[in-house]
N, C-alpha and C. Protein backbone atom coordinates (compact mmCIF):
# COMPACT_ATOMS: atom_id res chain seq x y z
N UNK A 1 88.46 92.63 148.14
CA UNK A 1 89.81 93.01 147.80
C UNK A 1 90.38 92.10 146.72
N UNK A 2 90.14 90.78 146.85
CA UNK A 2 90.62 89.85 145.84
C UNK A 2 89.99 90.12 144.49
N UNK A 3 88.72 90.52 144.46
CA UNK A 3 88.03 90.82 143.21
C UNK A 3 88.70 91.99 142.50
N UNK A 4 89.07 93.04 143.24
CA UNK A 4 89.77 94.17 142.63
C UNK A 4 91.11 93.76 142.05
N UNK A 5 91.85 92.89 142.75
CA UNK A 5 93.15 92.42 142.25
C UNK A 5 92.96 91.59 140.99
N UNK A 6 91.94 90.73 140.98
CA UNK A 6 91.67 89.91 139.82
C UNK A 6 91.26 90.76 138.63
N UNK A 7 90.37 91.72 138.83
CA UNK A 7 89.93 92.57 137.72
C UNK A 7 91.08 93.44 137.23
N UNK A 8 91.95 93.88 138.14
CA UNK A 8 93.12 94.66 137.73
C UNK A 8 94.07 93.83 136.90
N UNK A 9 94.27 92.56 137.29
CA UNK A 9 95.15 91.67 136.53
C UNK A 9 94.59 91.40 135.15
N UNK A 10 93.29 91.18 135.08
CA UNK A 10 92.64 90.94 133.78
C UNK A 10 92.77 92.17 132.89
N UNK A 11 92.57 93.34 133.47
CA UNK A 11 92.66 94.58 132.69
C UNK A 11 94.10 94.78 132.18
N UNK A 12 95.10 94.51 133.04
CA UNK A 12 96.51 94.64 132.63
C UNK A 12 96.84 93.66 131.51
N UNK A 13 96.34 92.43 131.61
CA UNK A 13 96.56 91.43 130.57
C UNK A 13 95.92 91.86 129.26
N UNK A 14 94.71 92.37 129.32
CA UNK A 14 94.03 92.84 128.11
C UNK A 14 94.79 94.00 127.48
N UNK A 15 95.29 94.91 128.28
CA UNK A 15 96.04 96.05 127.75
C UNK A 15 97.35 95.59 127.12
N UNK A 16 98.04 94.63 127.73
CA UNK A 16 99.30 94.15 127.16
C UNK A 16 99.03 93.37 125.87
N UNK A 17 97.92 92.64 125.79
CA UNK A 17 97.56 91.92 124.56
C UNK A 17 97.27 92.90 123.44
N UNK A 18 96.58 93.99 123.76
CA UNK A 18 96.28 95.02 122.76
C UNK A 18 97.57 95.66 122.26
N UNK A 19 98.50 95.94 123.18
CA UNK A 19 99.78 96.53 122.77
C UNK A 19 100.56 95.56 121.89
N UNK A 20 100.54 94.28 122.22
CA UNK A 20 101.24 93.28 121.40
C UNK A 20 100.63 93.19 120.02
N UNK A 21 99.32 93.25 119.93
CA UNK A 21 98.66 93.19 118.62
C UNK A 21 99.04 94.41 117.80
N UNK A 22 99.09 95.58 118.40
CA UNK A 22 99.43 96.80 117.68
C UNK A 22 100.85 96.71 117.11
N UNK A 23 101.76 96.01 117.82
CA UNK A 23 103.13 95.87 117.36
C UNK A 23 103.21 95.03 116.09
N UNK A 24 102.20 94.23 115.80
CA UNK A 24 102.19 93.38 114.61
C UNK A 24 101.52 94.06 113.42
N UNK A 25 101.21 95.33 113.53
CA UNK A 25 100.58 96.06 112.42
C UNK A 25 101.61 96.92 111.71
N UNK A 26 101.36 97.18 110.46
CA UNK A 26 102.28 97.90 109.59
C UNK A 26 101.49 99.01 108.90
N UNK A 27 101.95 100.22 109.05
CA UNK A 27 101.28 101.38 108.45
C UNK A 27 101.64 101.47 106.97
N UNK A 28 100.63 101.40 106.11
CA UNK A 28 100.82 101.56 104.67
C UNK A 28 100.60 103.04 104.35
N UNK A 29 101.48 103.61 103.56
CA UNK A 29 101.29 105.00 103.17
C UNK A 29 102.38 105.44 102.22
N UNK A 30 102.00 106.21 101.22
CA UNK A 30 102.95 106.73 100.26
C UNK A 30 102.27 107.12 98.96
N UNK A 31 103.09 107.26 97.95
CA UNK A 31 102.62 107.70 96.63
C UNK A 31 103.11 106.71 95.58
N UNK A 32 102.27 106.47 94.58
CA UNK A 32 102.63 105.61 93.46
C UNK A 32 102.44 106.37 92.15
N UNK A 33 103.37 106.14 91.24
CA UNK A 33 103.28 106.73 89.90
C UNK A 33 103.21 105.58 88.91
N UNK A 34 101.97 105.14 88.58
CA UNK A 34 101.83 103.97 87.70
C UNK A 34 101.91 104.31 86.22
N UNK A 35 102.41 103.34 85.47
CA UNK A 35 102.36 103.34 84.01
C UNK A 35 101.62 102.08 83.61
N UNK A 36 100.85 102.17 82.53
CA UNK A 36 100.03 101.06 82.07
C UNK A 36 100.49 100.65 80.68
N UNK A 37 100.54 99.32 80.45
CA UNK A 37 101.00 98.80 79.17
C UNK A 37 99.98 97.82 78.63
N UNK A 38 99.38 98.14 77.49
CA UNK A 38 98.45 97.24 76.84
C UNK A 38 99.19 96.09 76.18
N UNK A 39 98.69 94.88 76.34
CA UNK A 39 99.30 93.69 75.76
C UNK A 39 98.53 93.21 74.54
N UNK A 40 97.53 93.98 74.10
CA UNK A 40 96.74 93.59 72.94
C UNK A 40 95.33 93.17 73.34
N UNK A 41 94.47 93.05 72.33
CA UNK A 41 93.08 92.68 72.58
C UNK A 41 92.97 91.36 73.32
N UNK A 42 92.10 91.34 74.32
CA UNK A 42 91.86 90.13 75.08
C UNK A 42 92.93 89.81 76.12
N UNK A 43 93.97 90.63 76.21
CA UNK A 43 95.05 90.42 77.17
C UNK A 43 94.94 91.44 78.31
N UNK A 44 95.41 91.08 79.50
CA UNK A 44 95.37 92.04 80.61
C UNK A 44 96.26 93.24 80.33
N UNK A 45 95.90 94.38 80.88
CA UNK A 45 96.76 95.56 80.85
C UNK A 45 97.74 95.43 82.01
N UNK A 46 99.02 95.61 81.74
CA UNK A 46 100.07 95.47 82.74
C UNK A 46 100.31 96.83 83.40
N UNK A 47 100.57 96.81 84.71
CA UNK A 47 100.85 98.02 85.47
C UNK A 47 102.24 97.90 86.07
N UNK A 48 103.02 98.97 85.98
CA UNK A 48 104.33 99.04 86.62
C UNK A 48 104.39 100.38 87.33
N UNK A 49 104.91 100.39 88.56
CA UNK A 49 104.90 101.65 89.32
C UNK A 49 106.11 101.77 90.22
N UNK A 50 106.62 102.98 90.29
CA UNK A 50 107.60 103.35 91.31
C UNK A 50 106.80 103.91 92.48
N UNK A 51 107.19 103.54 93.70
CA UNK A 51 106.47 104.00 94.88
C UNK A 51 107.42 104.64 95.88
N UNK A 52 106.90 105.56 96.65
CA UNK A 52 107.59 106.07 97.82
C UNK A 52 106.77 105.66 99.02
N UNK A 53 107.40 105.56 100.16
CA UNK A 53 106.66 105.23 101.38
C UNK A 53 106.91 103.82 101.83
N UNK A 54 105.85 103.17 102.29
CA UNK A 54 105.92 101.86 102.93
C UNK A 54 106.40 100.75 102.01
N UNK A 55 106.10 100.83 100.73
CA UNK A 55 106.59 99.87 99.74
C UNK A 55 107.29 100.66 98.63
N UNK A 56 108.24 100.01 97.96
CA UNK A 56 109.05 100.75 97.00
C UNK A 56 108.76 100.42 95.54
N UNK A 57 108.11 99.29 95.28
CA UNK A 57 107.79 98.98 93.88
C UNK A 57 106.51 98.16 93.81
N UNK A 58 105.89 98.24 92.65
CA UNK A 58 104.67 97.47 92.42
C UNK A 58 104.56 97.13 90.94
N UNK A 59 103.96 95.99 90.70
CA UNK A 59 103.59 95.59 89.35
C UNK A 59 102.19 95.02 89.47
N UNK A 60 101.48 94.97 88.38
CA UNK A 60 100.13 94.43 88.46
C UNK A 60 99.52 94.26 87.10
N UNK A 61 98.23 93.94 87.13
CA UNK A 61 97.50 93.81 85.87
C UNK A 61 96.03 94.10 86.11
N UNK A 62 95.42 94.60 85.06
CA UNK A 62 93.97 94.81 85.04
C UNK A 62 93.40 93.59 84.34
N UNK A 63 92.60 92.81 85.07
CA UNK A 63 92.11 91.55 84.52
C UNK A 63 90.72 91.65 83.90
N UNK A 64 89.97 92.69 84.27
CA UNK A 64 88.64 92.89 83.69
C UNK A 64 88.25 94.36 83.87
N UNK A 65 87.49 94.87 82.89
CA UNK A 65 87.01 96.25 82.94
C UNK A 65 85.52 96.26 82.59
N UNK A 66 84.76 97.04 83.38
CA UNK A 66 83.32 97.18 83.14
C UNK A 66 82.96 98.66 83.12
N UNK A 67 82.12 99.05 82.17
CA UNK A 67 81.60 100.42 82.17
C UNK A 67 80.51 100.53 83.21
N UNK A 68 80.45 101.68 83.89
CA UNK A 68 79.41 101.97 84.86
C UNK A 68 78.75 103.29 84.48
N UNK A 69 77.72 103.67 85.21
CA UNK A 69 77.05 104.94 84.93
C UNK A 69 77.97 106.14 85.12
N UNK A 70 78.95 106.00 86.03
CA UNK A 70 79.83 107.14 86.35
C UNK A 70 81.24 106.99 85.80
N UNK A 71 81.55 105.88 85.16
CA UNK A 71 82.90 105.68 84.63
C UNK A 71 83.20 104.22 84.37
N UNK A 72 84.11 103.64 85.16
CA UNK A 72 84.56 102.27 84.96
C UNK A 72 84.78 101.57 86.29
N UNK A 73 84.75 100.24 86.25
CA UNK A 73 85.22 99.41 87.35
C UNK A 73 86.26 98.48 86.77
N UNK A 74 87.31 98.21 87.55
CA UNK A 74 88.37 97.32 87.09
C UNK A 74 88.68 96.28 88.15
N UNK A 75 88.77 95.02 87.73
CA UNK A 75 89.32 93.98 88.58
C UNK A 75 90.82 94.01 88.34
N UNK A 76 91.58 94.01 89.44
CA UNK A 76 93.03 94.17 89.33
C UNK A 76 93.75 93.20 90.27
N UNK A 77 95.03 92.99 89.99
CA UNK A 77 95.94 92.28 90.88
C UNK A 77 97.20 93.12 90.96
N UNK A 78 97.79 93.18 92.14
CA UNK A 78 99.05 93.90 92.31
C UNK A 78 100.05 93.04 93.08
N UNK A 79 101.32 93.29 92.81
CA UNK A 79 102.42 92.62 93.49
C UNK A 79 103.31 93.73 94.03
N UNK A 80 103.41 93.84 95.37
CA UNK A 80 104.14 94.91 96.02
C UNK A 80 105.44 94.38 96.61
N UNK A 81 106.50 95.19 96.56
CA UNK A 81 107.78 94.79 97.14
C UNK A 81 108.39 95.90 97.96
N UNK A 82 109.19 95.48 98.94
CA UNK A 82 109.91 96.39 99.81
C UNK A 82 111.41 96.19 99.64
N UNK A 83 112.18 97.21 99.95
CA UNK A 83 113.64 97.11 99.86
C UNK A 83 114.23 96.10 100.81
N UNK A 84 113.51 95.76 101.90
CA UNK A 84 114.04 94.80 102.88
C UNK A 84 113.69 93.35 102.53
N UNK A 85 113.15 93.12 101.34
CA UNK A 85 112.85 91.76 100.90
C UNK A 85 111.42 91.31 101.12
N UNK A 86 110.59 92.11 101.75
CA UNK A 86 109.20 91.75 101.95
C UNK A 86 108.40 91.95 100.67
N UNK A 87 107.39 91.09 100.48
CA UNK A 87 106.54 91.19 99.30
C UNK A 87 105.17 90.59 99.60
N UNK A 88 104.16 91.08 98.88
CA UNK A 88 102.82 90.51 99.00
C UNK A 88 102.03 90.79 97.74
N UNK A 89 100.97 90.00 97.55
CA UNK A 89 100.09 90.13 96.39
C UNK A 89 98.72 90.57 96.88
N UNK A 90 98.03 91.35 96.05
CA UNK A 90 96.66 91.77 96.36
C UNK A 90 95.74 91.47 95.19
N UNK A 91 94.46 91.29 95.49
CA UNK A 91 93.39 91.24 94.47
C UNK A 91 92.51 92.44 94.79
N UNK A 92 92.15 93.21 93.75
CA UNK A 92 91.64 94.55 94.00
C UNK A 92 90.43 94.91 93.14
N UNK A 93 89.74 95.93 93.60
CA UNK A 93 88.68 96.56 92.82
C UNK A 93 89.02 98.02 92.65
N UNK A 94 89.11 98.46 91.41
CA UNK A 94 89.33 99.87 91.10
C UNK A 94 88.03 100.49 90.61
N UNK A 95 87.65 101.60 91.22
CA UNK A 95 86.46 102.34 90.81
C UNK A 95 86.94 103.65 90.20
N UNK A 96 86.65 103.85 88.93
CA UNK A 96 87.08 105.04 88.21
C UNK A 96 85.86 105.92 87.92
N UNK A 97 85.92 107.16 88.37
CA UNK A 97 84.84 108.11 88.14
C UNK A 97 85.32 109.13 87.11
N UNK A 98 84.57 109.26 86.02
CA UNK A 98 84.96 110.17 84.94
C UNK A 98 85.03 111.61 85.47
N UNK A 99 86.07 112.34 85.04
CA UNK A 99 86.21 113.75 85.40
C UNK A 99 85.38 114.55 84.40
N UNK A 100 84.37 115.29 84.86
CA UNK A 100 83.51 116.05 83.94
C UNK A 100 84.33 117.01 83.07
N UNK A 101 84.04 116.99 81.77
CA UNK A 101 84.70 117.88 80.82
C UNK A 101 86.12 117.47 80.45
N UNK A 102 86.59 116.32 80.93
CA UNK A 102 87.95 115.84 80.65
C UNK A 102 87.87 114.39 80.15
N UNK A 103 87.49 114.17 78.90
CA UNK A 103 87.36 112.81 78.39
C UNK A 103 88.63 111.98 78.59
N UNK A 104 88.44 110.73 79.02
CA UNK A 104 89.56 109.82 79.20
C UNK A 104 90.30 109.98 80.52
N UNK A 105 89.89 110.95 81.34
CA UNK A 105 90.55 111.14 82.63
C UNK A 105 89.59 110.79 83.76
N UNK A 106 90.12 110.12 84.76
CA UNK A 106 89.29 109.56 85.82
C UNK A 106 89.91 109.77 87.20
N UNK A 107 89.05 109.98 88.19
CA UNK A 107 89.44 109.86 89.58
C UNK A 107 89.37 108.37 89.87
N UNK A 108 90.36 107.84 90.59
CA UNK A 108 90.41 106.40 90.84
C UNK A 108 90.49 106.13 92.34
N UNK A 109 89.76 105.12 92.76
CA UNK A 109 89.82 104.62 94.13
C UNK A 109 90.01 103.12 94.03
N UNK A 110 91.03 102.61 94.71
CA UNK A 110 91.30 101.17 94.68
C UNK A 110 91.30 100.63 96.10
N UNK A 111 90.62 99.51 96.28
CA UNK A 111 90.68 98.76 97.53
C UNK A 111 91.53 97.53 97.28
N UNK A 112 92.64 97.42 98.02
CA UNK A 112 93.60 96.33 97.87
C UNK A 112 93.35 95.29 98.96
N UNK A 113 93.12 94.04 98.60
CA UNK A 113 92.92 92.95 99.55
C UNK A 113 94.15 92.04 99.49
N UNK A 114 94.93 92.02 100.58
CA UNK A 114 96.13 91.19 100.61
C UNK A 114 95.73 89.72 100.60
N UNK A 115 96.41 88.95 99.78
CA UNK A 115 96.22 87.51 99.70
C UNK A 115 97.21 86.86 100.68
N UNK A 116 96.73 86.42 101.85
CA UNK A 116 97.65 85.96 102.91
C UNK A 116 98.57 84.81 102.49
N UNK A 117 98.14 83.99 101.54
CA UNK A 117 98.98 82.87 101.11
C UNK A 117 100.12 83.30 100.20
N UNK A 118 100.11 84.57 99.77
CA UNK A 118 101.14 85.07 98.86
C UNK A 118 101.83 86.27 99.51
N UNK A 119 102.36 86.05 100.71
CA UNK A 119 103.19 87.03 101.39
C UNK A 119 104.53 86.36 101.66
N UNK A 120 105.60 87.14 101.62
CA UNK A 120 106.92 86.53 101.84
C UNK A 120 107.89 87.51 102.49
N UNK A 121 109.00 86.97 102.92
CA UNK A 121 110.04 87.79 103.53
C UNK A 121 109.53 88.50 104.77
N UNK A 122 109.89 89.76 104.91
CA UNK A 122 109.49 90.54 106.08
C UNK A 122 107.99 90.81 106.13
N UNK A 123 107.28 90.57 105.05
CA UNK A 123 105.82 90.78 105.02
C UNK A 123 105.04 89.48 105.19
N UNK A 124 105.73 88.37 105.43
CA UNK A 124 105.07 87.08 105.58
C UNK A 124 104.04 87.14 106.71
N UNK A 125 102.83 86.66 106.39
CA UNK A 125 101.77 86.59 107.38
C UNK A 125 100.90 87.83 107.50
N UNK A 126 101.23 88.89 106.79
CA UNK A 126 100.38 90.09 106.86
C UNK A 126 99.10 89.87 106.06
N UNK A 127 98.02 90.49 106.51
CA UNK A 127 96.75 90.43 105.81
C UNK A 127 95.99 91.73 106.04
N UNK A 128 94.88 91.87 105.35
CA UNK A 128 94.05 93.06 105.52
C UNK A 128 93.85 93.80 104.22
N UNK A 129 93.40 95.03 104.36
CA UNK A 129 93.11 95.90 103.22
C UNK A 129 93.78 97.24 103.40
N UNK A 130 94.05 97.89 102.27
CA UNK A 130 94.41 99.31 102.28
C UNK A 130 93.83 99.92 101.01
N UNK A 131 93.91 101.24 100.88
CA UNK A 131 93.24 101.94 99.79
C UNK A 131 94.19 102.92 99.11
N UNK A 132 93.81 103.29 97.89
CA UNK A 132 94.50 104.40 97.23
C UNK A 132 93.47 105.27 96.53
N UNK A 133 93.87 106.51 96.31
CA UNK A 133 93.02 107.51 95.67
C UNK A 133 93.90 108.33 94.75
N UNK A 134 93.39 108.69 93.59
CA UNK A 134 94.20 109.51 92.69
C UNK A 134 93.53 109.79 91.37
N UNK A 135 94.36 110.04 90.37
CA UNK A 135 93.90 110.36 89.02
C UNK A 135 94.64 109.49 88.01
N UNK A 136 93.93 109.11 86.96
CA UNK A 136 94.56 108.39 85.84
C UNK A 136 94.12 109.04 84.53
N UNK A 137 95.03 109.02 83.56
CA UNK A 137 94.77 109.56 82.23
C UNK A 137 94.82 108.39 81.26
N UNK A 138 93.67 108.01 80.75
CA UNK A 138 93.55 106.85 79.87
C UNK A 138 93.24 107.25 78.43
N UNK A 139 93.60 108.47 78.03
CA UNK A 139 93.27 108.94 76.69
C UNK A 139 94.09 108.29 75.60
N UNK A 140 95.35 108.03 75.84
CA UNK A 140 96.26 107.55 74.81
C UNK A 140 96.73 106.14 75.17
N UNK A 141 96.30 105.12 74.43
CA UNK A 141 96.66 103.73 74.75
C UNK A 141 98.16 103.49 74.81
N UNK A 142 98.95 104.36 74.17
CA UNK A 142 100.40 104.21 74.20
C UNK A 142 101.05 105.01 75.33
N UNK A 143 100.24 105.74 76.11
CA UNK A 143 100.79 106.57 77.18
C UNK A 143 99.76 106.71 78.31
N UNK A 144 99.38 105.59 78.93
CA UNK A 144 98.43 105.60 80.03
C UNK A 144 99.20 105.82 81.32
N UNK A 145 98.84 106.86 82.09
CA UNK A 145 99.60 107.21 83.29
C UNK A 145 98.66 107.56 84.43
N UNK A 146 99.22 107.64 85.63
CA UNK A 146 98.43 108.01 86.79
C UNK A 146 99.29 108.48 87.94
N UNK A 147 98.63 108.90 89.01
CA UNK A 147 99.26 109.30 90.25
C UNK A 147 98.28 108.98 91.37
N UNK A 148 98.72 108.16 92.34
CA UNK A 148 97.83 107.77 93.43
C UNK A 148 98.53 107.88 94.77
N UNK A 149 97.74 108.10 95.80
CA UNK A 149 98.19 108.12 97.20
C UNK A 149 97.60 106.89 97.86
N UNK A 150 98.44 106.05 98.46
CA UNK A 150 97.93 104.85 99.12
C UNK A 150 98.06 105.02 100.65
N UNK A 151 97.15 104.37 101.38
CA UNK A 151 97.15 104.49 102.84
C UNK A 151 96.38 103.36 103.47
N UNK A 152 96.65 103.10 104.72
CA UNK A 152 95.94 102.07 105.47
C UNK A 152 96.86 101.40 106.46
N UNK A 153 96.37 100.31 107.02
CA UNK A 153 97.15 99.54 107.98
C UNK A 153 96.88 98.06 107.73
N UNK A 154 97.95 97.27 107.71
CA UNK A 154 97.82 95.83 107.57
C UNK A 154 98.45 95.17 108.80
N UNK A 155 97.98 93.99 109.13
CA UNK A 155 98.44 93.36 110.37
C UNK A 155 98.71 91.88 110.17
N UNK A 156 99.44 91.31 111.10
CA UNK A 156 99.62 89.85 111.17
C UNK A 156 99.47 89.39 112.60
């Protein structure tokens, strides 16, 4: 009888710990409309975006670009902000797959890795990854645009 009480108590404790951990997670989700600004040869491309959903604004930069067999890879950094004062920085990998028959247009997938030391306000202490998927039009260096859907869960 004591064994059943002990195992029941352990199970209840484990369930309450799981519920507490879930309360510290934040659902990422929404849409971003990025614009890209070239700063000249040898300089990073700057990104500015209006967002809907879990975060309301983002800025970033493309720090390196590599051609691949299917398109491009980009090393990126982003800075996300919320209306309630929370903010965090990510270091990212963007994989761009060329759209057949549409030169300069790419399907894009980005994996965002939160940098835990660069979180503040209501987002202080959050870490983890989230992703985005979408399309970018890189045909005109003076008018680089995109549309992406971001999603995932981050926790502290």
